[in-house]
Amino acid sequence: MVAAQRLELVVVRHGLTAWNRERRYQGQRDIPLLLPEALPDLDRLRSHLANVPFDAVHCSDLIRCRQTLAHVWEGRKGTAHFDARLRELDFGDYEGKTYDQLKDDTGYRAWIDSRGEQAPPGGESAGELWARLSGWLVALLDESLAKGYGRVLVVSHGGAIRELRRRLEAADFWDGTVGQAQGRRFIFEHQEGDWRCNSSSAVPAPADEP
């Protein structure tokens, strides 16, 4: 019997931005990290990953993810693949606004109550987000099988990781949130011609938290 190929997919969220602190919907706005305030979380993530080898690195093309990767990957070799499919959910007309600014809008309330199934005005639904994420994931798994990757690092966004958790962990919509410079470790195995996600865990692990 041929042994199953195993892939460890480490997916982390970008660090803190000013809009995170102000609790504004960022979506696909190209908002940079809030420095130096973002550094403690980024340093903890870099320390957690410091001795972990990766066969490939994928990253959202937005600046907050690029900056996060640059900090975490400092001093290491390897070329990152920047991919727009790893971007945050497009929040459309709600981008740049806060809950307090939107809470009395009936359309906004309907969107919240739909748990992402309804698209915000001018934006994406959870299903549309998953369509582009799953396209990226299938391509990555195919590449991993062909090239024998054992571990891949991905830098993305909170909404994208939430959707991955919903689809791969069957996590509840409201339970899928991860903090800045945190994420999930998904373990895939390729057996009988198909990839399956068998487990997941927090990154950094709870024992690494201060």
N, C-alpha and C. Protein backbone atom coordinates (compact mmCIF):
# COMPACT_ATOMS: atom_id res chain seq x y z
N MET A 1 0.84 -1.19 0.00
CA MET A 1 0.00 0.00 0.00
C MET A 1 0.88 1.25 0.00
N VAL A 2 0.53 2.22 -0.84
CA VAL A 2 1.29 3.46 -0.90
C VAL A 2 0.92 4.34 0.29
N ALA A 3 1.92 4.88 0.96
CA ALA A 3 1.67 5.74 2.11
C ALA A 3 0.97 7.02 1.69
N ALA A 4 0.06 7.52 2.54
CA ALA A 4 -0.66 8.75 2.25
C ALA A 4 0.31 9.93 2.30
N GLN A 5 0.14 10.87 1.37
CA GLN A 5 0.91 12.10 1.44
C GLN A 5 0.23 13.04 2.42
N ARG A 6 1.03 13.69 3.24
CA ARG A 6 0.52 14.58 4.28
C ARG A 6 0.96 16.00 3.98
N LEU A 7 0.04 16.96 4.12
CA LEU A 7 0.36 18.37 3.93
C LEU A 7 -0.11 19.16 5.14
N GLU A 8 0.80 19.94 5.69
CA GLU A 8 0.47 20.85 6.79
C GLU A 8 0.32 22.25 6.19
N LEU A 9 -0.86 22.82 6.29
CA LEU A 9 -1.16 24.13 5.72
C LEU A 9 -1.33 25.12 6.87
N VAL A 10 -0.37 26.03 7.02
CA VAL A 10 -0.38 27.00 8.10
C VAL A 10 -0.89 28.33 7.53
N VAL A 11 -2.10 28.72 7.94
CA VAL A 11 -2.75 29.91 7.39
C VAL A 11 -2.87 30.96 8.50
N VAL A 12 -2.24 32.11 8.34
CA VAL A 12 -2.24 33.13 9.38
C VAL A 12 -2.82 34.44 8.86
N ARG A 13 -3.38 35.18 9.78
CA ARG A 13 -3.97 36.49 9.48
C ARG A 13 -2.89 37.57 9.59
N HIS A 14 -3.07 38.63 8.83
CA HIS A 14 -2.15 39.77 8.90
C HIS A 14 -2.18 40.42 10.29
N GLY A 15 -1.21 41.29 10.55
CA GLY A 15 -1.13 42.00 11.81
C GLY A 15 -2.10 43.17 11.90
N LEU A 16 -2.02 43.87 13.01
CA LEU A 16 -2.94 44.96 13.34
C LEU A 16 -2.81 46.15 12.38
N THR A 17 -3.97 46.69 12.00
CA THR A 17 -4.02 47.93 11.20
C THR A 17 -4.80 48.98 11.98
N ALA A 18 -4.73 50.23 11.53
CA ALA A 18 -5.51 51.29 12.17
C ALA A 18 -7.00 51.00 12.04
N TRP A 19 -7.41 50.44 10.91
CA TRP A 19 -8.84 50.14 10.73
C TRP A 19 -9.29 48.98 11.61
N ASN A 20 -8.38 48.03 11.91
CA ASN A 20 -8.71 47.00 12.90
C ASN A 20 -8.99 47.67 14.25
N ARG A 21 -8.11 48.56 14.64
CA ARG A 21 -8.26 49.22 15.94
C ARG A 21 -9.55 50.04 15.99
N GLU A 22 -9.90 50.66 14.88
CA GLU A 22 -11.12 51.48 14.83
C GLU A 22 -12.37 50.65 14.53
N ARG A 23 -12.16 49.34 14.34
CA ARG A 23 -13.25 48.39 14.06
C ARG A 23 -14.02 48.77 12.79
N ARG A 24 -13.25 49.15 11.78
CA ARG A 24 -13.83 49.45 10.47
C ARG A 24 -13.73 48.21 9.57
N TYR A 25 -14.71 48.02 8.71
CA TYR A 25 -14.64 46.96 7.71
C TYR A 25 -13.57 47.34 6.69
N GLN A 26 -12.55 46.49 6.56
CA GLN A 26 -11.45 46.79 5.63
C GLN A 26 -11.69 46.19 4.25
N GLY A 27 -12.11 44.92 4.24
CA GLY A 27 -12.36 44.28 2.97
C GLY A 27 -11.14 44.31 2.06
N GLN A 28 -11.33 44.81 0.86
CA GLN A 28 -10.24 44.82 -0.12
C GLN A 28 -9.58 46.20 -0.24
N ARG A 29 -9.86 47.09 0.71
CA ARG A 29 -9.10 48.33 0.78
C ARG A 29 -7.65 48.00 1.15
N ASP A 30 -6.71 48.69 0.54
CA ASP A 30 -5.29 48.34 0.75
C ASP A 30 -4.73 49.13 1.92
N ILE A 31 -5.06 48.70 3.12
CA ILE A 31 -4.70 49.39 4.36
C ILE A 31 -3.42 48.79 4.93
N PRO A 32 -2.40 49.62 5.24
CA PRO A 32 -1.14 49.08 5.77
C PRO A 32 -1.25 48.72 7.24
N LEU A 33 -0.24 48.02 7.75
CA LEU A 33 -0.17 47.71 9.17
C LEU A 33 -0.01 48.99 10.00
N LEU A 34 -0.48 48.92 11.24
CA LEU A 34 -0.30 50.00 12.20
C LEU A 34 0.99 49.72 12.96
N LEU A 35 2.02 50.48 12.64
CA LEU A 35 3.33 50.28 13.25
C LEU A 35 3.70 51.48 14.11
N PRO A 36 4.33 51.25 15.26
CA PRO A 36 4.89 49.97 15.75
C PRO A 36 3.91 49.11 16.54
N GLU A 37 2.65 49.53 16.65
CA GLU A 37 1.70 48.81 17.51
C GLU A 37 1.51 47.35 17.10
N ALA A 38 1.67 47.04 15.81
CA ALA A 38 1.47 45.67 15.34
C ALA A 38 2.63 44.74 15.70
N LEU A 39 3.76 45.29 16.10
CA LEU A 39 4.98 44.48 16.23
C LEU A 39 4.93 43.39 17.29
N PRO A 40 4.36 43.59 18.48
CA PRO A 40 4.36 42.49 19.46
C PRO A 40 3.70 41.21 18.95
N ASP A 41 2.55 41.34 18.30
CA ASP A 41 1.88 40.16 17.75
C ASP A 41 2.70 39.53 16.63
N LEU A 42 3.29 40.38 15.78
CA LEU A 42 4.09 39.87 14.67
C LEU A 42 5.35 39.16 15.19
N ASP A 43 5.96 39.73 16.22
CA ASP A 43 7.16 39.11 16.80
C ASP A 43 6.83 37.74 17.38
N ARG A 44 5.68 37.63 18.05
CA ARG A 44 5.29 36.35 18.63
C ARG A 44 5.07 35.30 17.54
N LEU A 45 4.42 35.71 16.45
CA LEU A 45 4.20 34.79 15.34
C LEU A 45 5.53 34.38 14.71
N ARG A 46 6.42 35.34 14.50
CA ARG A 46 7.73 35.02 13.90
C ARG A 46 8.51 34.05 14.78
N SER A 47 8.46 34.26 16.10
CA SER A 47 9.15 33.36 17.02
C SER A 47 8.56 31.95 16.94
N HIS A 48 7.23 31.87 16.84
CA HIS A 48 6.58 30.56 16.76
C HIS A 48 6.98 29.80 15.51
N LEU A 49 7.18 30.52 14.40
CA LEU A 49 7.47 29.88 13.12
C LEU A 49 8.97 29.82 12.80
N ALA A 50 9.80 30.36 13.68
CA ALA A 50 11.21 30.58 13.36
C ALA A 50 11.94 29.32 12.90
N ASN A 51 11.67 28.21 13.52
CA ASN A 51 12.41 26.98 13.20
C ASN A 51 11.58 25.99 12.39
N VAL A 52 10.50 26.49 11.79
CA VAL A 52 9.62 25.63 11.01
C VAL A 52 9.93 25.80 9.52
N PRO A 53 10.38 24.75 8.83
CA PRO A 53 10.66 24.87 7.39
C PRO A 53 9.38 24.80 6.57
N PHE A 54 9.34 25.56 5.48
CA PHE A 54 8.20 25.55 4.58
C PHE A 54 8.67 25.28 3.16
N ASP A 55 7.88 24.51 2.42
CA ASP A 55 8.21 24.19 1.04
C ASP A 55 7.71 25.26 0.07
N ALA A 56 6.72 26.04 0.48
CA ALA A 56 6.16 27.10 -0.37
C ALA A 56 5.48 28.13 0.52
N VAL A 57 5.35 29.35 -0.01
CA VAL A 57 4.72 30.45 0.72
C VAL A 57 3.73 31.13 -0.21
N HIS A 58 2.49 31.30 0.27
CA HIS A 58 1.45 31.99 -0.49
C HIS A 58 0.95 33.16 0.36
N CYS A 59 0.55 34.25 -0.31
CA CYS A 59 0.19 35.46 0.42
C CYS A 59 -0.82 36.27 -0.39
N SER A 60 -1.78 36.87 0.31
CA SER A 60 -2.65 37.86 -0.33
C SER A 60 -1.79 38.99 -0.89
N ASP A 61 -2.26 39.59 -1.98
CA ASP A 61 -1.47 40.66 -2.58
C ASP A 61 -1.68 42.02 -1.91
N LEU A 62 -2.54 42.12 -0.89
CA LEU A 62 -2.76 43.40 -0.22
C LEU A 62 -1.61 43.71 0.74
N ILE A 63 -1.35 45.02 0.94
CA ILE A 63 -0.12 45.46 1.61
C ILE A 63 -0.03 44.97 3.05
N ARG A 64 -1.15 44.86 3.78
CA ARG A 64 -1.06 44.43 5.17
C ARG A 64 -0.58 42.99 5.29
N CYS A 65 -0.90 42.17 4.29
CA CYS A 65 -0.40 40.79 4.29
C CYS A 65 1.05 40.74 3.82
N ARG A 66 1.38 41.54 2.82
CA ARG A 66 2.77 41.61 2.36
C ARG A 66 3.70 42.05 3.50
N GLN A 67 3.27 43.05 4.26
CA GLN A 67 4.10 43.53 5.38
C GLN A 67 4.22 42.47 6.47
N THR A 68 3.13 41.77 6.74
CA THR A 68 3.16 40.70 7.73
C THR A 68 4.13 39.61 7.31
N LEU A 69 4.05 39.19 6.06
CA LEU A 69 4.96 38.16 5.57
C LEU A 69 6.40 38.63 5.63
N ALA A 70 6.66 39.88 5.25
CA ALA A 70 8.04 40.41 5.27
C ALA A 70 8.62 40.33 6.68
N HIS A 71 7.80 40.59 7.70
CA HIS A 71 8.29 40.55 9.07
C HIS A 71 8.51 39.11 9.53
N VAL A 72 7.55 38.26 9.26
CA VAL A 72 7.64 36.86 9.70
C VAL A 72 8.74 36.11 8.97
N TRP A 73 8.96 36.46 7.70
CA TRP A 73 9.89 35.73 6.84
C TRP A 73 11.28 36.37 6.80
N GLU A 74 11.50 37.41 7.58
CA GLU A 74 12.77 38.14 7.55
C GLU A 74 13.96 37.21 7.76
N GLY A 75 14.95 37.31 6.86
CA GLY A 75 16.16 36.51 6.97
C GLY A 75 16.06 35.12 6.41
N ARG A 76 14.90 34.74 5.86
CA ARG A 76 14.73 33.40 5.30
C ARG A 76 14.69 33.47 3.78
N LYS A 77 15.03 32.36 3.16
CA LYS A 77 15.06 32.30 1.70
C LYS A 77 13.75 31.71 1.19
N GLY A 78 13.44 32.04 -0.06
CA GLY A 78 12.23 31.51 -0.67
C GLY A 78 11.39 32.62 -1.26
N THR A 79 10.73 32.35 -2.35
CA THR A 79 9.91 33.33 -3.05
C THR A 79 8.44 33.09 -2.75
N ALA A 80 7.74 34.16 -2.39
CA ALA A 80 6.31 34.05 -2.09
C ALA A 80 5.48 34.17 -3.37
N HIS A 81 4.34 33.49 -3.38
CA HIS A 81 3.36 33.61 -4.46
C HIS A 81 2.24 34.52 -3.97
N PHE A 82 2.12 35.69 -4.58
CA PHE A 82 1.09 36.66 -4.19
C PHE A 82 -0.14 36.43 -5.05
N ASP A 83 -1.30 36.28 -4.39
CA ASP A 83 -2.49 35.83 -5.09
C ASP A 83 -3.72 36.61 -4.60
N ALA A 84 -4.41 37.28 -5.52
CA ALA A 84 -5.60 38.06 -5.17
C ALA A 84 -6.74 37.18 -4.67
N ARG A 85 -6.71 35.89 -4.95
CA ARG A 85 -7.76 35.00 -4.46
C ARG A 85 -7.72 34.85 -2.94
N LEU A 86 -6.60 35.23 -2.31
CA LEU A 86 -6.46 35.15 -0.86
C LEU A 86 -6.89 36.44 -0.17
N ARG A 87 -7.46 37.38 -0.91
CA ARG A 87 -7.91 38.64 -0.31
C ARG A 87 -9.08 38.43 0.64
N GLU A 88 -9.29 39.46 1.46
CA GLU A 88 -10.44 39.49 2.36
C GLU A 88 -11.74 39.52 1.56
N LEU A 89 -12.84 39.16 2.22
CA LEU A 89 -14.17 39.34 1.65
C LEU A 89 -14.34 40.78 1.19
N ASP A 90 -14.95 40.98 0.04
CA ASP A 90 -15.28 42.31 -0.45
C ASP A 90 -16.56 42.77 0.26
N PHE A 91 -16.42 43.76 1.15
CA PHE A 91 -17.56 44.25 1.91
C PHE A 91 -18.34 45.34 1.18
N GLY A 92 -17.94 45.64 -0.04
CA GLY A 92 -18.70 46.57 -0.86
C GLY A 92 -18.90 47.93 -0.21
N ASP A 93 -20.16 48.37 -0.12
CA ASP A 93 -20.49 49.70 0.41
C ASP A 93 -20.17 49.86 1.89
N TYR A 94 -19.92 48.75 2.59
CA TYR A 94 -19.66 48.83 4.02
C TYR A 94 -18.19 49.07 4.34
N GLU A 95 -17.33 48.99 3.36
CA GLU A 95 -15.90 49.17 3.63
C GLU A 95 -15.62 50.60 4.11
N GLY A 96 -14.80 50.69 5.15
CA GLY A 96 -14.46 51.97 5.74
C GLY A 96 -15.43 52.40 6.82
N LYS A 97 -16.51 51.66 7.03
CA LYS A 97 -17.52 52.03 8.02
C LYS A 97 -17.44 51.11 9.23
N THR A 98 -18.03 51.57 10.33
CA THR A 98 -18.04 50.82 11.58
C THR A 98 -19.44 50.31 11.88
N TYR A 99 -19.51 49.40 12.83
CA TYR A 99 -20.81 48.88 13.25
C TYR A 99 -21.73 50.00 13.72
N ASP A 100 -21.19 50.95 14.50
CA ASP A 100 -22.02 52.04 15.01
C ASP A 100 -22.60 52.88 13.88
N GLN A 101 -21.86 53.02 12.80
CA GLN A 101 -22.36 53.79 11.66
C GLN A 101 -23.43 53.03 10.88
N LEU A 102 -23.43 51.69 10.98
CA LEU A 102 -24.31 50.87 10.14
C LEU A 102 -25.46 50.21 10.89
N LYS A 103 -25.41 50.18 12.21
CA LYS A 103 -26.30 49.33 12.99
C LYS A 103 -27.79 49.60 12.78
N ASP A 104 -28.16 50.80 12.38
CA ASP A 104 -29.57 51.13 12.18
C ASP A 104 -30.03 50.95 10.74
N ASP A 105 -29.12 50.51 9.88
CA ASP A 105 -29.45 50.29 8.46
C ASP A 105 -30.10 48.90 8.32
N THR A 106 -31.31 48.85 7.77
CA THR A 106 -32.03 47.57 7.67
C THR A 106 -31.31 46.58 6.76
N GLY A 107 -30.69 47.09 5.69
CA GLY A 107 -29.94 46.21 4.81
C GLY A 107 -28.74 45.60 5.51
N TYR A 108 -28.08 46.38 6.34
CA TYR A 108 -26.94 45.88 7.10
C TYR A 108 -27.39 44.81 8.09
N ARG A 109 -28.49 45.06 8.78
CA ARG A 109 -29.00 44.07 9.72
C ARG A 109 -29.35 42.76 9.01
N ALA A 110 -29.94 42.87 7.82
CA ALA A 110 -30.28 41.66 7.06
C ALA A 110 -29.02 40.90 6.68
N TRP A 111 -27.96 41.61 6.33
CA TRP A 111 -26.69 40.96 5.98
C TRP A 111 -26.11 40.25 7.19
N ILE A 112 -26.10 40.91 8.35
CA ILE A 112 -25.60 40.28 9.57
C ILE A 112 -26.41 39.02 9.89
N ASP A 113 -27.72 39.14 9.81
CA ASP A 113 -28.59 38.01 10.16
C ASP A 113 -28.43 36.84 9.20
N SER A 114 -27.99 37.11 7.98
CA SER A 114 -27.80 36.04 7.00
C SER A 114 -26.53 35.24 7.25
N ARG A 115 -25.70 35.69 8.19
CA ARG A 115 -24.44 35.02 8.51
C ARG A 115 -23.56 34.89 7.27
N GLY A 116 -23.55 35.95 6.46
CA GLY A 116 -22.66 36.02 5.31
C GLY A 116 -23.22 35.43 4.04
N GLU A 117 -24.38 34.76 4.11
CA GLU A 117 -24.93 34.15 2.90
C GLU A 117 -25.42 35.20 1.91
N GLN A 118 -25.86 36.31 2.43
CA GLN A 118 -26.28 37.43 1.58
C GLN A 118 -25.07 38.33 1.33
N ALA A 119 -24.91 38.83 0.12
CA ALA A 119 -23.80 39.74 -0.17
C ALA A 119 -24.14 41.15 0.29
N PRO A 120 -23.17 41.87 0.88
CA PRO A 120 -23.41 43.28 1.17
C PRO A 120 -23.53 44.06 -0.14
N PRO A 121 -24.18 45.22 -0.14
CA PRO A 121 -24.33 45.99 -1.38
C PRO A 121 -22.97 46.23 -2.05
N GLY A 122 -22.84 45.79 -3.29
CA GLY A 122 -21.60 45.98 -4.02
C GLY A 122 -20.48 45.05 -3.62
N GLY A 123 -20.77 44.05 -2.76
CA GLY A 123 -19.72 43.17 -2.27
C GLY A 123 -19.95 41.70 -2.59
N GLU A 124 -19.32 40.83 -1.80
CA GLU A 124 -19.36 39.38 -2.03
C GLU A 124 -20.15 38.67 -0.95
N SER A 125 -20.79 37.59 -1.31
CA SER A 125 -21.38 36.68 -0.33
C SER A 125 -20.30 35.71 0.14
N ALA A 126 -20.61 34.97 1.21
CA ALA A 126 -19.68 33.94 1.68
C ALA A 126 -19.45 32.88 0.61
N GLY A 127 -20.50 32.58 -0.16
CA GLY A 127 -20.37 31.60 -1.23
C GLY A 127 -19.42 32.07 -2.32
N GLU A 128 -19.47 33.35 -2.64
CA GLU A 128 -18.56 33.90 -3.65
C GLU A 128 -17.13 33.94 -3.14
N LEU A 129 -16.96 34.24 -1.85
CA LEU A 129 -15.63 34.18 -1.25
C LEU A 129 -15.08 32.76 -1.33
N TRP A 130 -15.91 31.77 -0.99
CA TRP A 130 -15.45 30.39 -1.03
C TRP A 130 -15.13 29.95 -2.45
N ALA A 131 -15.84 30.45 -3.44
CA ALA A 131 -15.57 30.06 -4.82
C ALA A 131 -14.13 30.42 -5.21
N ARG A 132 -13.68 31.61 -4.82
CA ARG A 132 -12.29 31.96 -5.19
C ARG A 132 -11.27 31.29 -4.27
N LEU A 133 -11.61 31.15 -2.99
CA LEU A 133 -10.69 30.46 -2.08
C LEU A 133 -10.53 29.00 -2.46
N SER A 134 -11.63 28.35 -2.80
CA SER A 134 -11.55 26.93 -3.14
C SER A 134 -10.78 26.71 -4.43
N GLY A 135 -10.90 27.67 -5.38
CA GLY A 135 -10.10 27.57 -6.59
C GLY A 135 -8.62 27.62 -6.29
N TRP A 136 -8.25 28.53 -5.38
CA TRP A 136 -6.85 28.62 -4.95
C TRP A 136 -6.43 27.34 -4.23
N LEU A 137 -7.28 26.83 -3.33
CA LEU A 137 -6.92 25.67 -2.53
C LEU A 137 -6.74 24.42 -3.39
N VAL A 138 -7.63 24.21 -4.34
CA VAL A 138 -7.50 23.05 -5.23
C VAL A 138 -6.18 23.11 -6.00
N ALA A 139 -5.86 24.30 -6.52
CA ALA A 139 -4.60 24.46 -7.26
C ALA A 139 -3.39 24.19 -6.37
N LEU A 140 -3.45 24.67 -5.12
CA LEU A 140 -2.34 24.45 -4.19
C LEU A 140 -2.19 22.98 -3.85
N LEU A 141 -3.30 22.30 -3.61
CA LEU A 141 -3.22 20.87 -3.29
C LEU A 141 -2.69 20.06 -4.46
N ASP A 142 -3.09 20.42 -5.67
CA ASP A 142 -2.55 19.75 -6.86
C ASP A 142 -1.04 19.97 -6.97
N GLU A 143 -0.60 21.21 -6.74
CA GLU A 143 0.83 21.52 -6.80
C GLU A 143 1.59 20.77 -5.70
N SER A 144 0.99 20.70 -4.51
CA SER A 144 1.64 20.02 -3.39
C SER A 144 1.82 18.54 -3.68
N LEU A 145 0.83 17.94 -4.31
CA LEU A 145 0.92 16.53 -4.66
C LEU A 145 2.00 16.30 -5.70
N ALA A 146 2.03 17.17 -6.72
CA ALA A 146 2.99 17.02 -7.81
C ALA A 146 4.43 17.25 -7.34
N LYS A 147 4.63 18.20 -6.41
CA LYS A 147 5.98 18.57 -5.98
C LYS A 147 6.38 17.99 -4.64
N GLY A 148 5.47 17.26 -4.01
CA GLY A 148 5.80 16.62 -2.74
C GLY A 148 5.94 17.58 -1.58
N TYR A 149 5.18 18.65 -1.57
CA TYR A 149 5.25 19.59 -0.46
C TYR A 149 4.75 18.93 0.83
N GLY A 150 5.41 19.26 1.93
CA GLY A 150 4.98 18.77 3.23
C GLY A 150 4.39 19.85 4.11
N ARG A 151 4.78 21.12 3.84
CA ARG A 151 4.30 22.21 4.68
C ARG A 151 4.29 23.50 3.87
N VAL A 152 3.19 24.26 3.94
CA VAL A 152 3.03 25.50 3.19
C VAL A 152 2.54 26.58 4.14
N LEU A 153 3.12 27.78 4.04
CA LEU A 153 2.70 28.94 4.82
C LEU A 153 1.83 29.84 3.96
N VAL A 154 0.74 30.33 4.54
CA VAL A 154 -0.19 31.21 3.84
C VAL A 154 -0.49 32.41 4.73
N VAL A 155 -0.42 33.62 4.17
CA VAL A 155 -0.79 34.84 4.90
C VAL A 155 -2.02 35.43 4.23
N SER A 156 -3.09 35.54 5.01
CA SER A 156 -4.36 35.99 4.42
C SER A 156 -5.10 36.89 5.41
N HIS A 157 -6.41 36.79 5.44
CA HIS A 157 -7.26 37.74 6.17
C HIS A 157 -8.26 37.00 7.07
N GLY A 158 -8.82 37.73 8.02
CA GLY A 158 -9.74 37.13 8.97
C GLY A 158 -10.95 36.48 8.34
N GLY A 159 -11.59 37.17 7.38
CA GLY A 159 -12.76 36.61 6.73
C GLY A 159 -12.44 35.38 5.90
N ALA A 160 -11.28 35.38 5.26
CA ALA A 160 -10.87 34.22 4.46
C ALA A 160 -10.62 33.02 5.36
N ILE A 161 -9.96 33.25 6.50
CA ILE A 161 -9.69 32.14 7.43
C ILE A 161 -10.99 31.64 8.04
N ARG A 162 -11.89 32.57 8.36
CA ARG A 162 -13.20 32.15 8.87
C ARG A 162 -13.89 31.21 7.88
N GLU A 163 -13.82 31.54 6.59
CA GLU A 163 -14.48 30.71 5.58
C GLU A 163 -13.80 29.36 5.44
N LEU A 164 -12.47 29.35 5.51
CA LEU A 164 -11.75 28.07 5.50
C LEU A 164 -12.17 27.21 6.68
N ARG A 165 -12.30 27.82 7.84
CA ARG A 165 -12.70 27.06 9.02
C ARG A 165 -14.12 26.53 8.89
N ARG A 166 -15.00 27.32 8.32
CA ARG A 166 -16.37 26.86 8.11
C ARG A 166 -16.40 25.63 7.21
N ARG A 167 -15.61 25.66 6.15
CA ARG A 167 -15.65 24.58 5.16
C ARG A 167 -14.81 23.37 5.57
N LEU A 168 -13.69 23.61 6.25
CA LEU A 168 -12.77 22.51 6.57
C LEU A 168 -12.97 21.95 7.97
N GLU A 169 -13.46 22.77 8.89
CA GLU A 169 -13.65 22.33 10.28
C GLU A 169 -15.12 22.20 10.65
N ALA A 170 -16.01 22.66 9.77
CA ALA A 170 -17.44 22.76 10.10
C ALA A 170 -17.65 23.67 11.31
N ALA A 171 -16.81 24.72 11.42
CA ALA A 171 -16.94 25.69 12.52
C ALA A 171 -18.16 26.56 12.28
N ASP A 172 -18.80 26.98 13.37
CA ASP A 172 -19.90 27.91 13.26
C ASP A 172 -19.38 29.25 12.73
N PHE A 173 -20.25 29.96 12.01
CA PHE A 173 -19.86 31.24 11.41
C PHE A 173 -19.24 32.18 12.45
N TRP A 174 -19.85 32.27 13.63
CA TRP A 174 -19.37 33.22 14.63
C TRP A 174 -18.17 32.68 15.42
N ASP A 175 -17.86 31.40 15.29
CA ASP A 175 -16.74 30.81 16.03
C ASP A 175 -15.46 30.73 15.20
N GLY A 176 -15.51 31.17 13.96
CA GLY A 176 -14.37 31.00 13.08
C GLY A 176 -13.35 32.13 13.10
N THR A 177 -13.57 33.13 13.96
CA THR A 177 -12.70 34.30 13.99
C THR A 177 -11.33 33.97 14.60
N VAL A 178 -10.28 34.54 14.02
CA VAL A 178 -8.94 34.47 14.62
C VAL A 178 -8.42 35.90 14.78
N GLY A 179 -7.52 36.10 15.74
CA GLY A 179 -6.98 37.42 16.00
C GLY A 179 -5.89 37.81 15.01
N GLN A 180 -5.43 39.05 15.13
CA GLN A 180 -4.34 39.51 14.27
C GLN A 180 -3.07 38.70 14.54
N ALA A 181 -2.37 38.35 13.44
CA ALA A 181 -1.14 37.57 13.51
C ALA A 181 -1.37 36.22 14.20
N GLN A 182 -2.57 35.68 14.02
CA GLN A 182 -2.90 34.33 14.48
C GLN A 182 -3.55 33.58 13.33
N GLY A 183 -3.74 32.28 13.51
CA GLY A 183 -4.34 31.53 12.42
C GLY A 183 -4.61 30.09 12.79
N ARG A 184 -4.56 29.23 11.77
CA ARG A 184 -4.87 27.81 11.95
C ARG A 184 -3.87 26.95 11.20
N ARG A 185 -3.64 25.77 11.74
CA ARG A 185 -2.81 24.75 11.10
C ARG A 185 -3.74 23.62 10.66
N PHE A 186 -3.92 23.47 9.35
CA PHE A 186 -4.78 22.44 8.79
C PHE A 186 -3.92 21.26 8.32
N ILE A 187 -4.29 20.06 8.69
CA ILE A 187 -3.57 18.86 8.28
C ILE A 187 -4.40 18.12 7.23
N PHE A 188 -3.82 18.00 6.02
CA PHE A 188 -4.46 17.29 4.92
C PHE A 188 -3.73 15.97 4.67
N GLU A 189 -4.49 14.97 4.27
CA GLU A 189 -3.90 13.73 3.80
C GLU A 189 -4.50 13.36 2.46
N HIS A 190 -3.64 12.87 1.57
CA HIS A 190 -4.09 12.44 0.23
C HIS A 190 -4.18 10.93 0.23
N GLN A 191 -5.42 10.43 0.13
CA GLN A 191 -5.66 8.99 0.12
C GLN A 191 -6.74 8.67 -0.90
N GLU A 192 -6.55 7.55 -1.58
CA GLU A 192 -7.54 7.09 -2.55
C GLU A 192 -7.93 8.18 -3.54
N GLY A 193 -6.91 8.91 -3.99
CA GLY A 193 -7.11 9.90 -5.04
C GLY A 193 -7.72 11.21 -4.61
N ASP A 194 -7.80 11.48 -3.30
CA ASP A 194 -8.46 12.70 -2.85
C ASP A 194 -7.77 13.25 -1.61
N TRP A 195 -7.84 14.58 -1.46
CA TRP A 195 -7.32 15.24 -0.27
C TRP A 195 -8.44 15.39 0.76
N ARG A 196 -8.11 15.17 2.03
CA ARG A 196 -9.05 15.39 3.11
C ARG A 196 -8.36 16.12 4.25
N CYS A 197 -9.07 17.09 4.83
CA CYS A 197 -8.55 17.78 6.01
C CYS A 197 -8.95 16.98 7.23
N ASN A 198 -7.96 16.43 7.93
CA ASN A 198 -8.23 15.52 9.05
C ASN A 198 -8.22 16.20 10.41
N SER A 199 -7.53 17.36 10.51
CA SER A 199 -7.47 18.02 11.81
C SER A 199 -7.03 19.47 11.63
N SER A 200 -7.19 20.25 12.68
CA SER A 200 -6.71 21.64 12.67
C SER A 200 -6.42 22.07 14.10
N SER A 201 -5.60 23.10 14.22
CA SER A 201 -5.23 23.60 15.55
C SER A 201 -4.84 25.07 15.45
N ALA A 202 -4.75 25.72 16.59
CA ALA A 202 -4.46 27.16 16.63
C ALA A 202 -2.99 27.44 16.36
N VAL A 203 -2.74 28.59 15.72
CA VAL A 203 -1.38 29.11 15.48
C VAL A 203 -1.36 30.58 15.90
N PRO A 204 -0.44 30.98 16.80
CA PRO A 204 0.42 30.11 17.61
C PRO A 204 -0.42 29.24 18.54
N ALA A 205 0.17 28.14 18.99
CA ALA A 205 -0.53 27.27 19.93
C ALA A 205 -0.80 28.02 21.22
N PRO A 206 -1.89 27.70 21.94
CA PRO A 206 -2.21 28.42 23.19
C PRO A 206 -1.06 28.49 24.17
N ALA A 207 -0.22 27.47 24.22
CA ALA A 207 0.92 27.48 25.15
C ALA A 207 1.92 28.56 24.81
N ASP A 208 1.88 29.04 23.54
CA ASP A 208 2.82 30.08 23.12
C ASP A 208 2.33 31.49 23.47
N GLU A 209 1.05 31.60 23.87
CA GLU A 209 0.50 32.92 24.16
C GLU A 209 1.09 33.45 25.46
N PRO A 210 1.30 34.77 25.56
CA PRO A 210 1.87 35.34 26.78
C PRO A 210 0.88 35.26 27.93
